[in-house]
Amino acid sequence: MDISGWVTVVGVILGMIFLAFKKATPVLREARKVVREYYNVKVEVEAGRRRALSQRAPLDE
């Protein structure tokens, strides 16, 4: 393969990488949002569980 063939191959590979990152960016952004919401819900559930346990704690007499 001569030099123009290699340049074409490198150009195609770089183009594929560019398109993959271009398509992956919105997907990764949405994935970060989903993960953030999951952990927010997890923290809220844990806080509610702690509140419920503290309200049910028996009084020491």
C-alpha atoms as a PDB file:
ATOM      1  CA  MET A   1       0.000   0.000   0.000  1.00  0.00           C
ATOM      2  CA  ASP A   2       1.404   3.372  -0.929  1.00  0.00           C
ATOM      3  CA  ILE A   3       1.350   6.506   1.229  1.00  0.00           C
ATOM      4  CA  SER A   4      -2.043   7.743  -0.005  1.00  0.00           C
ATOM      5  CA  GLY A   5      -3.602   4.436   1.055  1.00  0.00           C
ATOM      6  CA  TRP A   6      -2.186   4.779   4.557  1.00  0.00           C
ATOM      7  CA  VAL A   7      -3.371   8.375   4.779  1.00  0.00           C
ATOM      8  CA  THR A   8      -6.853   7.241   3.790  1.00  0.00           C
ATOM      9  CA  VAL A   9      -6.854   4.447   6.366  1.00  0.00           C
ATOM     10  CA  VAL A  10      -5.667   6.791   9.130  1.00  0.00           C
ATOM     11  CA  GLY A  11      -8.282   9.376   8.090  1.00  0.00           C
ATOM     12  CA  VAL A  12     -11.077   6.812   8.183  1.00  0.00           C
ATOM     13  CA  ILE A  13      -9.988   5.541  11.611  1.00  0.00           C
ATOM     14  CA  LEU A  14      -9.753   9.072  13.018  1.00  0.00           C
ATOM     15  CA  GLY A  15     -13.160   9.888  11.543  1.00  0.00           C
ATOM     16  CA  MET A  16     -14.684   6.815  13.160  1.00  0.00           C
ATOM     17  CA  ILE A  17     -13.159   7.741  16.519  1.00  0.00           C
ATOM     18  CA  PHE A  18     -14.458  11.313  16.174  1.00  0.00           C
ATOM     19  CA  LEU A  19     -17.979  10.120  15.364  1.00  0.00           C
ATOM     20  CA  ALA A  20     -17.918   7.636  18.243  1.00  0.00           C
ATOM     21  CA  PHE A  21     -17.010  10.388  20.714  1.00  0.00           C
ATOM     22  CA  LYS A  22     -19.567  12.731  19.176  1.00  0.00           C
ATOM     23  CA  LYS A  23     -22.308  10.133  19.641  1.00  0.00           C
ATOM     24  CA  ALA A  24     -21.081   9.023  23.071  1.00  0.00           C
ATOM     25  CA  THR A  25     -21.011  12.490  24.650  1.00  0.00           C
ATOM     26  CA  PRO A  26     -24.822  12.914  25.002  1.00  0.00           C
ATOM     27  CA  VAL A  27     -25.155   9.305  26.135  1.00  0.00           C
ATOM     28  CA  LEU A  28     -22.528   9.794  28.830  1.00  0.00           C
ATOM     29  CA  ARG A  29     -24.174  13.053  29.914  1.00  0.00           C
ATOM     30  CA  GLU A  30     -27.513  11.276  30.377  1.00  0.00           C
ATOM     31  CA  ALA A  31     -25.814   8.405  32.179  1.00  0.00           C
ATOM     32  CA  ARG A  32     -24.242  10.859  34.634  1.00  0.00           C
ATOM     33  CA  LYS A  33     -27.684  12.380  35.280  1.00  0.00           C
ATOM     34  CA  VAL A  34     -29.191   8.959  35.945  1.00  0.00           C
ATOM     35  CA  VAL A  35     -26.381   8.001  38.324  1.00  0.00           C
ATOM     36  CA  ARG A  36     -26.645  11.345  40.145  1.00  0.00           C
ATOM     37  CA  GLU A  37     -30.406  10.877  40.613  1.00  0.00           C
ATOM     38  CA  TYR A  38     -29.888   7.292  41.794  1.00  0.00           C
ATOM     39  CA  TYR A  39     -27.502   8.423  44.519  1.00  0.00           C
ATOM     40  CA  ASN A  40     -29.800  11.325  45.490  1.00  0.00           C
ATOM     41  CA  VAL A  41     -32.683   8.886  45.956  1.00  0.00           C
ATOM     42  CA  LYS A  42     -30.404   6.511  47.854  1.00  0.00           C
ATOM     43  CA  VAL A  43     -29.376   9.315  50.246  1.00  0.00           C
ATOM     44  CA  GLU A  44     -33.015  10.345  50.753  1.00  0.00           C
ATOM     45  CA  VAL A  45     -34.055   6.764  51.516  1.00  0.00           C
ATOM     46  CA  GLU A  46     -31.198   6.346  53.990  1.00  0.00           C
ATOM     47  CA  ALA A  47     -32.069   9.656  55.695  1.00  0.00           C
ATOM     48  CA  GLY A  48     -35.715   8.593  55.972  1.00  0.00           C
ATOM     49  CA  ARG A  49     -34.672   5.241  57.399  1.00  0.00           C
ATOM     50  CA  ARG A  50     -32.503   6.972  60.021  1.00  0.00           C
ATOM     51  CA  ARG A  51     -35.356   9.358  60.918  1.00  0.00           C
ATOM     52  CA  ALA A  52     -37.770   6.460  61.320  1.00  0.00           C
ATOM     53  CA  LEU A  53     -35.311   4.538  63.496  1.00  0.00           C
ATOM     54  CA  SER A  54     -34.642   7.557  65.680  1.00  0.00           C
ATOM     55  CA  GLN A  55     -38.367   8.112  66.234  1.00  0.00           C
ATOM     56  CA  ARG A  56     -38.886   4.468  67.231  1.00  0.00           C
ATOM     57  CA  ALA A  57     -35.923   4.378  69.618  1.00  0.00           C
ATOM     58  CA  PRO A  58     -37.033   3.215  73.062  1.00  0.00           C
ATOM     59  CA  LEU A  59     -36.585   5.620  75.947  1.00  0.00           C
ATOM     60  CA  ASP A  60     -34.188   4.516  78.677  1.00  0.00           C
ATOM     61  CA  GLU A  61     -35.785   4.983  82.090  1.00  0.00           C
END
